[in-house]
Amino acid sequence: MNESKQLAKKTLNRGFWLAFCASALWGVSGTVLQVVAKDLNIPAMWFIATRTTFAGIILLVVSLFVLPKGEFFAVFKNWKDLLTLLSFSVFGLLANMFTFFHAIKTGNSSTATILQYLSPLFIMIGTIIFTKKKTSRIDVISFVLALVGVVLMITRGDIGHLSIPLVSVLWGIGSGVTAALYVTIPQSLIAKYHGLLITGWGMLIAGVISNFFSPIWVNPPKMNTSSILGIGTVILIGTVMAFLLMVISTKYTTAAIISITDAVQPFTTLVLSIIFLHYVVNFAEIIGAVIVVLAIYVLNRYDDAG
């Protein structure tokens, strides 16, 4: 009996650390994305087209090797599932990458990541509005905490002054809303098909659509070692590797435990921004980030318990 408990605990720990690493890699990607968006001045749509196209191809190639061959095109055999996949690609993946990119370009990666991290709050608000769900005490507490935390972060404690442009705040809120869509839209598909496959097809479709607006082979930006390393890091580490680790973690642990590791992403981005991008942070901003993470943690724990 003790051996079985130890094995179960070991399995949960393995899942936790896999999810932890995935979230940390997303945090690394956010920091690198600031260099790509601001310092290297890579055009948004060209970058998104490149990221989604290559990430989609890689994820689908992995799917071919690890999933039954009969599943590969299964989502295209049901028109309702196909429409859901298209919605996920456009309103989830594509919209989220576009808004997050501009939130960083007009502001900074740390604040943008925190604002995107509010997605569970937007899911809660959407659920209340569209399903007439009764507002609970936990919902209210989470909302108020998140609001206080965000205000502290974007004002740095000086309520009468924004530390980043208003347009950056709006792009960041947009990234939070689209991140909520990114999570909710494909739920029915992931329950029916494999998450790796759905994300792969979603990425590739988003890449095809992006190429209509900014073909990656037409007037590409001048590339140097820094831009190649930056774009490659976001694609391979912040997209492909992070997602693969998160998918694997779901086999070993629970959604409740995985949700705890979500907090690693904004703090990784914040720490790396301070160390490598010389981002100056004050006490009010740190307190604000902690409050936001606490609010989302409380909300996630309540939803998982409910």
C-alpha atoms as a PDB file:
ATOM      1  CA  MET A   1       0.000   0.000   0.000  1.00  0.00           C
ATOM      2  CA  ASN A   2       2.825   2.380   0.918  1.00  0.00           C
ATOM      3  CA  GLU A   3       4.605   1.546  -2.331  1.00  0.00           C
ATOM      4  CA  SER A   4       1.508   2.381  -4.382  1.00  0.00           C
ATOM      5  CA  LYS A   5       1.107   5.709  -2.550  1.00  0.00           C
ATOM      6  CA  GLN A   6       4.750   6.547  -3.129  1.00  0.00           C
ATOM      7  CA  LEU A   7       4.391   5.688  -6.818  1.00  0.00           C
ATOM      8  CA  ALA A   8       1.269   7.857  -7.118  1.00  0.00           C
ATOM      9  CA  LYS A   9       3.065  10.744  -5.395  1.00  0.00           C
ATOM     10  CA  LYS A  10       6.089  10.315  -7.656  1.00  0.00           C
ATOM     11  CA  THR A  11       3.813  10.377 -10.715  1.00  0.00           C
ATOM     12  CA  LEU A  12       2.084  13.567  -9.534  1.00  0.00           C
ATOM     13  CA  ASN A  13       5.451  15.190  -8.856  1.00  0.00           C
ATOM     14  CA  ARG A  14       6.618  14.294 -12.355  1.00  0.00           C
ATOM     15  CA  GLY A  15       3.517  15.903 -13.832  1.00  0.00           C
ATOM     16  CA  PHE A  16       3.967  18.998 -11.679  1.00  0.00           C
ATOM     17  CA  TRP A  17       7.550  19.548 -12.793  1.00  0.00           C
ATOM     18  CA  LEU A  18       6.697  18.974 -16.451  1.00  0.00           C
ATOM     19  CA  ALA A  19       3.939  21.599 -16.212  1.00  0.00           C
ATOM     20  CA  PHE A  20       6.298  23.845 -14.218  1.00  0.00           C
ATOM     21  CA  CYS A  21       8.905  23.662 -16.986  1.00  0.00           C
ATOM     22  CA  ALA A  22       6.275  24.315 -19.677  1.00  0.00           C
ATOM     23  CA  SER A  23       5.085  27.447 -17.888  1.00  0.00           C
ATOM     24  CA  ALA A  24       8.681  28.604 -17.351  1.00  0.00           C
ATOM     25  CA  LEU A  25       9.396  28.171 -21.071  1.00  0.00           C
ATOM     26  CA  TRP A  26       6.367  30.328 -21.915  1.00  0.00           C
ATOM     27  CA  GLY A  27       7.819  32.911 -19.544  1.00  0.00           C
ATOM     28  CA  VAL A  28      11.167  32.752 -21.344  1.00  0.00           C
ATOM     29  CA  SER A  29       9.339  33.148 -24.659  1.00  0.00           C
ATOM     30  CA  GLY A  30       7.594  36.296 -23.413  1.00  0.00           C
ATOM     31  CA  THR A  31      10.922  37.894 -22.537  1.00  0.00           C
ATOM     32  CA  VAL A  32      12.510  36.964 -25.868  1.00  0.00           C
ATOM     33  CA  LEU A  33       9.409  38.232 -27.671  1.00  0.00           C
ATOM     34  CA  GLN A  34      10.084  41.713 -26.287  1.00  0.00           C
ATOM     35  CA  VAL A  35      13.490  41.678 -27.983  1.00  0.00           C
ATOM     36  CA  VAL A  36      11.884  40.486 -31.239  1.00  0.00           C
ATOM     37  CA  ALA A  37       9.030  43.018 -31.110  1.00  0.00           C
ATOM     38  CA  LYS A  38      10.899  46.097 -29.900  1.00  0.00           C
ATOM     39  CA  ASP A  39      14.647  45.810 -30.348  1.00  0.00           C
ATOM     40  CA  LEU A  40      14.725  43.825 -33.605  1.00  0.00           C
ATOM     41  CA  ASN A  41      11.607  45.545 -35.000  1.00  0.00           C
ATOM     42  CA  ILE A  42      10.260  42.417 -36.708  1.00  0.00           C
ATOM     43  CA  PRO A  43       6.836  43.096 -38.370  1.00  0.00           C
ATOM     44  CA  ALA A  44       3.978  41.600 -36.355  1.00  0.00           C
ATOM     45  CA  MET A  45       2.124  39.703 -39.089  1.00  0.00           C
ATOM     46  CA  TRP A  46       5.316  38.367 -40.687  1.00  0.00           C
ATOM     47  CA  PHE A  47       6.487  37.088 -37.313  1.00  0.00           C
ATOM     48  CA  ILE A  48       3.101  35.520 -36.483  1.00  0.00           C
ATOM     49  CA  ALA A  49       2.912  33.884 -39.918  1.00  0.00           C
ATOM     50  CA  THR A  50       6.403  32.430 -39.420  1.00  0.00           C
ATOM     51  CA  ARG A  51       5.713  31.293 -35.853  1.00  0.00           C
ATOM     52  CA  THR A  52       2.377  29.605 -36.531  1.00  0.00           C
ATOM     53  CA  THR A  53       3.427  27.992 -39.815  1.00  0.00           C
ATOM     54  CA  PHE A  54       6.595  26.359 -38.509  1.00  0.00           C
ATOM     55  CA  ALA A  55       5.145  25.494 -35.077  1.00  0.00           C
ATOM     56  CA  GLY A  56       2.095  23.927 -36.752  1.00  0.00           C
ATOM     57  CA  ILE A  57       4.229  21.823 -39.103  1.00  0.00           C
ATOM     58  CA  ILE A  58       6.459  20.601 -36.259  1.00  0.00           C
ATOM     59  CA  LEU A  59       3.537  19.709 -33.978  1.00  0.00           C
ATOM     60  CA  LEU A  60       1.763  17.845 -36.787  1.00  0.00           C
ATOM     61  CA  VAL A  61       4.924  15.897 -37.648  1.00  0.00           C
ATOM     62  CA  VAL A  62       5.188  14.887 -33.975  1.00  0.00           C
ATOM     63  CA  SER A  63       1.507  13.889 -34.075  1.00  0.00           C
ATOM     64  CA  LEU A  64       2.170  11.599 -37.042  1.00  0.00           C
ATOM     65  CA  PHE A  65       4.704   9.649 -34.997  1.00  0.00           C
ATOM     66  CA  VAL A  66       2.925   9.468 -31.621  1.00  0.00           C
ATOM     67  CA  LEU A  67      -0.780   9.256 -32.528  1.00  0.00           C
ATOM     68  CA  PRO A  68      -2.773   6.630 -34.453  1.00  0.00           C
ATOM     69  CA  LYS A  69      -2.768   7.454 -38.166  1.00  0.00           C
ATOM     70  CA  GLY A  70      -6.551   7.284 -38.356  1.00  0.00           C
ATOM     71  CA  GLU A  71      -6.843  10.332 -36.077  1.00  0.00           C
ATOM     72  CA  PHE A  72      -4.721  12.669 -38.172  1.00  0.00           C
ATOM     73  CA  PHE A  73      -7.474  13.981 -40.488  1.00  0.00           C
ATOM     74  CA  ALA A  74     -10.438  12.994 -38.319  1.00  0.00           C
ATOM     75  CA  VAL A  75     -11.345  16.578 -37.334  1.00  0.00           C
ATOM     76  CA  PHE A  76     -11.908  17.459 -41.015  1.00  0.00           C
ATOM     77  CA  LYS A  77     -14.619  14.799 -41.396  1.00  0.00           C
ATOM     78  CA  ASN A  78     -17.116  16.678 -39.225  1.00  0.00           C
ATOM     79  CA  TRP A  79     -18.098  20.149 -40.474  1.00  0.00           C
ATOM     80  CA  LYS A  80     -19.075  21.391 -37.001  1.00  0.00           C
ATOM     81  CA  ASP A  81     -15.706  20.338 -35.607  1.00  0.00           C
ATOM     82  CA  LEU A  82     -13.998  21.979 -38.584  1.00  0.00           C
ATOM     83  CA  LEU A  83     -15.812  25.273 -37.938  1.00  0.00           C
ATOM     84  CA  THR A  84     -14.781  25.081 -34.283  1.00  0.00           C
ATOM     85  CA  LEU A  85     -11.180  24.454 -35.348  1.00  0.00           C
ATOM     86  CA  LEU A  86     -11.289  27.475 -37.676  1.00  0.00           C
ATOM     87  CA  SER A  87     -12.710  29.615 -34.854  1.00  0.00           C
ATOM     88  CA  PHE A  88      -9.939  28.403 -32.551  1.00  0.00           C
ATOM     89  CA  SER A  89      -7.314  29.269 -35.174  1.00  0.00           C
ATOM     90  CA  VAL A  90      -8.641  32.777 -35.909  1.00  0.00           C
ATOM     91  CA  PHE A  91     -10.210  34.054 -32.671  1.00  0.00           C
ATOM     92  CA  GLY A  92      -7.988  32.066 -30.314  1.00  0.00           C
ATOM     93  CA  LEU A  93      -4.473  31.473 -31.632  1.00  0.00           C
ATOM     94  CA  LEU A  94      -4.137  34.207 -34.258  1.00  0.00           C
ATOM     95  CA  ALA A  95      -5.927  36.924 -32.288  1.00  0.00           C
ATOM     96  CA  ASN A  96      -4.033  36.089 -29.095  1.00  0.00           C
ATOM     97  CA  MET A  97      -0.613  36.161 -30.745  1.00  0.00           C
ATOM     98  CA  PHE A  98      -1.445  39.440 -32.497  1.00  0.00           C
ATOM     99  CA  THR A  99      -2.712  41.239 -29.364  1.00  0.00           C
ATOM    100  CA  PHE A 100       0.086  39.855 -27.154  1.00  0.00           C
ATOM    101  CA  PHE A 101       2.739  40.925 -29.669  1.00  0.00           C
ATOM    102  CA  HIS A 102       1.401  44.497 -29.748  1.00  0.00           C
ATOM    103  CA  ALA A 103       0.958  44.591 -25.962  1.00  0.00           C
ATOM    104  CA  ILE A 104       4.691  43.898 -25.675  1.00  0.00           C
ATOM    105  CA  LYS A 105       5.685  46.172 -28.574  1.00  0.00           C
ATOM    106  CA  THR A 106       3.827  49.169 -27.119  1.00  0.00           C
ATOM    107  CA  GLY A 107       4.618  48.350 -23.497  1.00  0.00           C
ATOM    108  CA  ASN A 108       6.745  45.607 -21.989  1.00  0.00           C
ATOM    109  CA  SER A 109       6.694  41.818 -21.696  1.00  0.00           C
ATOM    110  CA  SER A 110       6.204  41.742 -17.922  1.00  0.00           C
ATOM    111  CA  THR A 111       2.991  43.791 -17.839  1.00  0.00           C
ATOM    112  CA  ALA A 112       1.687  42.160 -21.031  1.00  0.00           C
ATOM    113  CA  THR A 113       2.169  38.684 -19.544  1.00  0.00           C
ATOM    114  CA  ILE A 114       0.334  39.647 -16.340  1.00  0.00           C
ATOM    115  CA  LEU A 115      -2.590  41.098 -18.332  1.00  0.00           C
ATOM    116  CA  GLN A 116      -2.771  37.959 -20.476  1.00  0.00           C
ATOM    117  CA  TYR A 117      -2.639  35.913 -17.260  1.00  0.00           C
ATOM    118  CA  LEU A 118      -6.074  37.377 -16.410  1.00  0.00           C
ATOM    119  CA  SER A 119      -7.717  35.020 -18.938  1.00  0.00           C
ATOM    120  CA  PRO A 120      -9.425  32.840 -16.240  1.00  0.00           C
ATOM    121  CA  LEU A 121     -11.045  36.039 -14.972  1.00  0.00           C
ATOM    122  CA  PHE A 122     -12.422  36.795 -18.439  1.00  0.00           C
ATOM    123  CA  ILE A 123     -13.659  33.201 -18.705  1.00  0.00           C
ATOM    124  CA  MET A 124     -15.488  33.683 -15.392  1.00  0.00           C
ATOM    125  CA  ILE A 125     -17.027  36.985 -16.541  1.00  0.00           C
ATOM    126  CA  GLY A 126     -18.122  35.438 -19.855  1.00  0.00           C
ATOM    127  CA  THR A 127     -19.674  32.485 -18.047  1.00  0.00           C
ATOM    128  CA  ILE A 128     -21.627  34.823 -15.757  1.00  0.00           C
ATOM    129  CA  ILE A 129     -22.851  36.981 -18.670  1.00  0.00           C
ATOM    130  CA  PHE A 130     -23.777  34.257 -21.166  1.00  0.00           C
ATOM    131  CA  THR A 131     -24.966  31.471 -18.859  1.00  0.00           C
ATOM    132  CA  LYS A 132     -26.572  33.692 -16.190  1.00  0.00           C
ATOM    133  CA  LYS A 133     -24.444  31.957 -13.575  1.00  0.00           C
ATOM    134  CA  LYS A 134     -24.955  33.362 -10.091  1.00  0.00           C
ATOM    135  CA  THR A 135     -21.965  35.376  -8.927  1.00  0.00           C
ATOM    136  CA  SER A 136     -20.249  33.723  -5.977  1.00  0.00           C
ATOM    137  CA  ARG A 137     -18.219  35.304  -3.209  1.00  0.00           C
ATOM    138  CA  ILE A 138     -15.056  33.759  -4.664  1.00  0.00           C
ATOM    139  CA  ASP A 139     -15.809  35.340  -8.058  1.00  0.00           C
ATOM    140  CA  VAL A 140     -16.130  38.784  -6.475  1.00  0.00           C
ATOM    141  CA  ILE A 141     -13.008  38.379  -4.318  1.00  0.00           C
ATOM    142  CA  SER A 142     -10.967  37.199  -7.313  1.00  0.00           C
ATOM    143  CA  PHE A 143     -12.202  40.055  -9.490  1.00  0.00           C
ATOM    144  CA  VAL A 144     -11.470  42.741  -6.883  1.00  0.00           C
ATOM    145  CA  LEU A 145      -8.027  41.296  -6.092  1.00  0.00           C
ATOM    146  CA  ALA A 146      -7.115  41.095  -9.788  1.00  0.00           C
ATOM    147  CA  LEU A 147      -8.318  44.657 -10.380  1.00  0.00           C
ATOM    148  CA  VAL A 148      -6.256  45.992  -7.464  1.00  0.00           C
ATOM    149  CA  GLY A 149      -3.196  44.053  -8.633  1.00  0.00           C
ATOM    150  CA  VAL A 150      -3.459  45.288 -12.230  1.00  0.00           C
ATOM    151  CA  VAL A 151      -3.930  48.906 -11.114  1.00  0.00           C
ATOM    152  CA  LEU A 152      -0.801  48.656  -8.954  1.00  0.00           C
ATOM    153  CA  MET A 153       1.159  47.176 -11.868  1.00  0.00           C
ATOM    154  CA  ILE A 154       0.144  49.645 -14.565  1.00  0.00           C
ATOM    155  CA  THR A 155       0.467  52.690 -12.264  1.00  0.00           C
ATOM    156  CA  ARG A 156       3.391  51.454 -10.125  1.00  0.00           C
ATOM    157  CA  GLY A 157       1.559  52.810  -7.091  1.00  0.00           C
ATOM    158  CA  ASP A 158       0.941  56.285  -8.557  1.00  0.00           C
ATOM    159  CA  ILE A 159      -2.805  56.092  -9.254  1.00  0.00           C
ATOM    160  CA  GLY A 160      -2.825  59.286 -11.314  1.00  0.00           C
ATOM    161  CA  HIS A 161      -0.192  58.101 -13.780  1.00  0.00           C
ATOM    162  CA  LEU A 162       0.081  55.076 -16.095  1.00  0.00           C
ATOM    163  CA  SER A 163       3.540  53.497 -16.205  1.00  0.00           C
ATOM    164  CA  ILE A 164       2.826  52.214 -19.732  1.00  0.00           C
ATOM    165  CA  PRO A 165       0.790  53.760 -22.593  1.00  0.00           C
ATOM    166  CA  LEU A 166      -2.980  53.244 -22.447  1.00  0.00           C
ATOM    167  CA  VAL A 167      -2.828  51.499 -25.839  1.00  0.00           C
ATOM    168  CA  SER A 168      -0.536  48.878 -24.278  1.00  0.00           C
ATOM    169  CA  VAL A 169      -3.042  48.291 -21.482  1.00  0.00           C
ATOM    170  CA  LEU A 170      -5.809  47.831 -24.062  1.00  0.00           C
ATOM    171  CA  TRP A 171      -3.700  45.426 -26.139  1.00  0.00           C
ATOM    172  CA  GLY A 172      -2.884  43.528 -22.931  1.00  0.00           C
ATOM    173  CA  ILE A 173      -6.541  43.247 -21.965  1.00  0.00           C
ATOM    174  CA  GLY A 174      -7.221  42.085 -25.517  1.00  0.00           C
ATOM    175  CA  SER A 175      -4.587  39.370 -25.097  1.00  0.00           C
ATOM    176  CA  GLY A 176      -6.311  38.269 -21.884  1.00  0.00           C
ATOM    177  CA  VAL A 177      -9.692  38.072 -23.632  1.00  0.00           C
ATOM    178  CA  THR A 178      -8.291  36.185 -26.618  1.00  0.00           C
ATOM    179  CA  ALA A 179      -6.362  33.859 -24.268  1.00  0.00           C
ATOM    180  CA  ALA A 180      -9.728  33.052 -22.683  1.00  0.00           C
ATOM    181  CA  LEU A 181     -11.094  32.242 -26.168  1.00  0.00           C
ATOM    182  CA  TYR A 182      -7.941  30.197 -26.857  1.00  0.00           C
ATOM    183  CA  VAL A 183      -8.817  28.057 -23.814  1.00  0.00           C
ATOM    184  CA  THR A 184     -12.601  27.776 -24.176  1.00  0.00           C
ATOM    185  CA  ILE A 185     -13.171  27.409 -27.948  1.00  0.00           C
ATOM    186  CA  PRO A 186     -11.292  24.105 -28.479  1.00  0.00           C
ATOM    187  CA  GLN A 187     -12.553  22.329 -25.330  1.00  0.00           C
ATOM    188  CA  SER A 188     -15.079  20.214 -27.236  1.00  0.00           C
ATOM    189  CA  LEU A 189     -12.400  19.287 -29.786  1.00  0.00           C
ATOM    190  CA  ILE A 190      -9.797  18.336 -27.168  1.00  0.00           C
ATOM    191  CA  ALA A 191     -12.383  16.126 -25.453  1.00  0.00           C
ATOM    192  CA  LYS A 192     -12.941  14.340 -28.776  1.00  0.00           C
ATOM    193  CA  TYR A 193      -9.467  14.445 -30.363  1.00  0.00           C
ATOM    194  CA  HIS A 194      -5.918  14.750 -29.031  1.00  0.00           C
ATOM    195  CA  GLY A 195      -4.828  18.199 -27.815  1.00  0.00           C
ATOM    196  CA  LEU A 196      -1.512  17.929 -29.653  1.00  0.00           C
ATOM    197  CA  LEU A 197      -3.307  17.343 -32.947  1.00  0.00           C
ATOM    198  CA  ILE A 198      -5.816  20.164 -32.464  1.00  0.00           C
ATOM    199  CA  THR A 199      -3.086  22.641 -31.588  1.00  0.00           C
ATOM    200  CA  GLY A 200      -0.985  21.515 -34.542  1.00  0.00           C
ATOM    201  CA  TRP A 201      -3.829  21.969 -37.025  1.00  0.00           C
ATOM    202  CA  GLY A 202      -4.866  25.213 -35.313  1.00  0.00           C
ATOM    203  CA  MET A 203      -1.345  26.598 -35.662  1.00  0.00           C
ATOM    204  CA  LEU A 204      -1.019  25.542 -39.300  1.00  0.00           C
ATOM    205  CA  ILE A 205      -4.398  27.020 -40.261  1.00  0.00           C
ATOM    206  CA  ALA A 206      -3.496  30.249 -38.441  1.00  0.00           C
ATOM    207  CA  GLY A 207      -0.216  30.197 -40.387  1.00  0.00           C
ATOM    208  CA  VAL A 208      -1.981  29.790 -43.738  1.00  0.00           C
ATOM    209  CA  ILE A 209      -4.349  32.678 -42.931  1.00  0.00           C
ATOM    210  CA  SER A 210      -1.458  34.872 -41.735  1.00  0.00           C
ATOM    211  CA  ASN A 211       0.414  34.233 -44.980  1.00  0.00           C
ATOM    212  CA  PHE A 212      -2.444  35.773 -46.946  1.00  0.00           C
ATOM    213  CA  PHE A 213      -1.749  39.072 -45.150  1.00  0.00           C
ATOM    214  CA  SER A 214       2.032  38.812 -44.865  1.00  0.00           C
ATOM    215  CA  PRO A 215       3.631  35.956 -46.843  1.00  0.00           C
ATOM    216  CA  ILE A 216       6.827  34.897 -45.120  1.00  0.00           C
ATOM    217  CA  TRP A 217       8.629  34.671 -48.491  1.00  0.00           C
ATOM    218  CA  VAL A 218       7.713  38.209 -49.623  1.00  0.00           C
ATOM    219  CA  ASN A 219       9.964  41.051 -48.414  1.00  0.00           C
ATOM    220  CA  PRO A 220      11.173  39.225 -45.301  1.00  0.00           C
ATOM    221  CA  PRO A 221      12.968  41.411 -42.745  1.00  0.00           C
ATOM    222  CA  LYS A 222      16.745  41.451 -42.800  1.00  0.00           C
ATOM    223  CA  MET A 223      17.920  38.651 -40.552  1.00  0.00           C
ATOM    224  CA  ASN A 224      20.981  38.514 -38.341  1.00  0.00           C
ATOM    225  CA  THR A 225      22.133  36.135 -35.640  1.00  0.00           C
ATOM    226  CA  SER A 226      20.045  37.861 -32.949  1.00  0.00           C
ATOM    227  CA  SER A 227      16.811  37.788 -34.959  1.00  0.00           C
ATOM    228  CA  ILE A 228      17.296  34.138 -35.994  1.00  0.00           C
ATOM    229  CA  LEU A 229      17.986  33.105 -32.384  1.00  0.00           C
ATOM    230  CA  GLY A 230      15.067  35.181 -31.083  1.00  0.00           C
ATOM    231  CA  ILE A 231      12.505  33.865 -33.574  1.00  0.00           C
ATOM    232  CA  GLY A 232      13.835  30.312 -33.239  1.00  0.00           C
ATOM    233  CA  THR A 233      13.572  30.481 -29.442  1.00  0.00           C
ATOM    234  CA  VAL A 234       9.944  31.638 -29.536  1.00  0.00           C
ATOM    235  CA  ILE A 235       8.990  28.939 -32.072  1.00  0.00           C
ATOM    236  CA  LEU A 236      10.917  25.960 -30.712  1.00  0.00           C
ATOM    237  CA  ILE A 237      11.111  26.651 -26.979  1.00  0.00           C
ATOM    238  CA  GLY A 238       8.170  28.962 -26.313  1.00  0.00           C
ATOM    239  CA  THR A 239       5.698  27.233 -28.628  1.00  0.00           C
ATOM    240  CA  VAL A 240       6.597  23.659 -29.577  1.00  0.00           C
ATOM    241  CA  MET A 241       8.572  22.497 -26.524  1.00  0.00           C
ATOM    242  CA  ALA A 242       6.355  24.272 -23.984  1.00  0.00           C
ATOM    243  CA  PHE A 243       3.185  22.789 -25.418  1.00  0.00           C
ATOM    244  CA  LEU A 244       4.635  19.290 -25.677  1.00  0.00           C
ATOM    245  CA  LEU A 245       5.702  19.372 -22.026  1.00  0.00           C
ATOM    246  CA  MET A 246       2.267  20.606 -20.955  1.00  0.00           C
ATOM    247  CA  VAL A 247       0.505  17.882 -22.946  1.00  0.00           C
ATOM    248  CA  ILE A 248       2.754  15.202 -21.409  1.00  0.00           C
ATOM    249  CA  SER A 249       2.146  16.617 -17.904  1.00  0.00           C
ATOM    250  CA  THR A 250      -1.607  16.002 -18.223  1.00  0.00           C
ATOM    251  CA  LYS A 251      -0.902  12.259 -18.263  1.00  0.00           C
ATOM    252  CA  TYR A 252       0.702  12.367 -14.826  1.00  0.00           C
ATOM    253  CA  THR A 253      -1.128  14.984 -12.804  1.00  0.00           C
ATOM    254  CA  THR A 254      -4.431  16.829 -12.352  1.00  0.00           C
ATOM    255  CA  ALA A 255      -5.744  20.076 -13.800  1.00  0.00           C
ATOM    256  CA  ALA A 256      -5.728  21.590 -10.288  1.00  0.00           C
ATOM    257  CA  ILE A 257      -2.001  20.976  -9.894  1.00  0.00           C
ATOM    258  CA  ILE A 258      -1.264  22.193 -13.428  1.00  0.00           C
ATOM    259  CA  SER A 259      -3.174  25.424 -12.723  1.00  0.00           C
ATOM    260  CA  ILE A 260      -0.802  26.134  -9.835  1.00  0.00           C
ATOM    261  CA  THR A 261       2.150  26.140 -12.221  1.00  0.00           C
ATOM    262  CA  ASP A 262       0.504  28.839 -14.381  1.00  0.00           C
ATOM    263  CA  ALA A 263       1.930  31.430 -11.988  1.00  0.00           C
ATOM    264  CA  VAL A 264       5.455  30.467 -13.069  1.00  0.00           C
ATOM    265  CA  GLN A 265       5.035  32.165 -16.458  1.00  0.00           C
ATOM    266  CA  PRO A 266       4.501  35.810 -15.380  1.00  0.00           C
ATOM    267  CA  PHE A 267       7.143  35.590 -12.663  1.00  0.00           C
ATOM    268  CA  THR A 268       9.664  34.041 -15.058  1.00  0.00           C
ATOM    269  CA  THR A 269       9.050  36.872 -17.515  1.00  0.00           C
ATOM    270  CA  LEU A 270       9.328  39.475 -14.743  1.00  0.00           C
ATOM    271  CA  VAL A 271      12.599  38.082 -13.363  1.00  0.00           C
ATOM    272  CA  LEU A 272      14.195  37.654 -16.794  1.00  0.00           C
ATOM    273  CA  SER A 273      13.103  41.157 -17.819  1.00  0.00           C
ATOM    274  CA  ILE A 274      14.819  42.570 -14.736  1.00  0.00           C
ATOM    275  CA  ILE A 275      18.019  40.573 -15.312  1.00  0.00           C
ATOM    276  CA  PHE A 276      18.431  40.752 -19.094  1.00  0.00           C
ATOM    277  CA  LEU A 277      16.299  43.680 -20.266  1.00  0.00           C
ATOM    278  CA  HIS A 278      17.200  45.965 -17.341  1.00  0.00           C
ATOM    279  CA  TYR A 279      13.533  46.419 -16.495  1.00  0.00           C
ATOM    280  CA  VAL A 280      13.265  48.562 -13.350  1.00  0.00           C
ATOM    281  CA  VAL A 281      10.569  47.333 -10.987  1.00  0.00           C
ATOM    282  CA  ASN A 282       9.344  48.983  -7.795  1.00  0.00           C
ATOM    283  CA  PHE A 283       7.710  47.539  -4.683  1.00  0.00           C
ATOM    284  CA  ALA A 284       4.149  48.462  -5.715  1.00  0.00           C
ATOM    285  CA  GLU A 285       4.568  46.623  -9.026  1.00  0.00           C
ATOM    286  CA  ILE A 286       5.840  43.481  -7.291  1.00  0.00           C
ATOM    287  CA  ILE A 287       2.918  43.577  -4.853  1.00  0.00           C
ATOM    288  CA  GLY A 288       0.531  44.051  -7.788  1.00  0.00           C
ATOM    289  CA  ALA A 289       1.941  41.012  -9.617  1.00  0.00           C
ATOM    290  CA  VAL A 290       1.654  38.888  -6.463  1.00  0.00           C
ATOM    291  CA  ILE A 291      -1.965  39.993  -5.939  1.00  0.00           C
ATOM    292  CA  VAL A 292      -2.910  39.149  -9.551  1.00  0.00           C
ATOM    293  CA  VAL A 293      -1.351  35.693  -9.287  1.00  0.00           C
ATOM    294  CA  LEU A 294      -3.115  35.143  -5.950  1.00  0.00           C
ATOM    295  CA  ALA A 295      -6.461  36.197  -7.468  1.00  0.00           C
ATOM    296  CA  ILE A 296      -6.157  33.789 -10.393  1.00  0.00           C
ATOM    297  CA  TYR A 297      -4.937  31.019  -8.089  1.00  0.00           C
ATOM    298  CA  VAL A 298      -7.999  31.459  -5.842  1.00  0.00           C
ATOM    299  CA  LEU A 299     -10.303  31.471  -8.880  1.00  0.00           C
ATOM    300  CA  ASN A 300      -8.684  28.336 -10.377  1.00  0.00           C
ATOM    301  CA  ARG A 301      -8.834  26.454  -7.079  1.00  0.00           C
ATOM    302  CA  TYR A 302     -12.516  27.318  -6.667  1.00  0.00           C
ATOM    303  CA  ASP A 303     -13.378  26.253 -10.225  1.00  0.00           C
ATOM    304  CA  ASP A 304     -11.460  22.970  -9.865  1.00  0.00           C
ATOM    305  CA  ALA A 305     -13.149  22.274  -6.548  1.00  0.00           C
ATOM    306  CA  GLY A 306     -16.550  23.137  -8.014  1.00  0.00           C
END
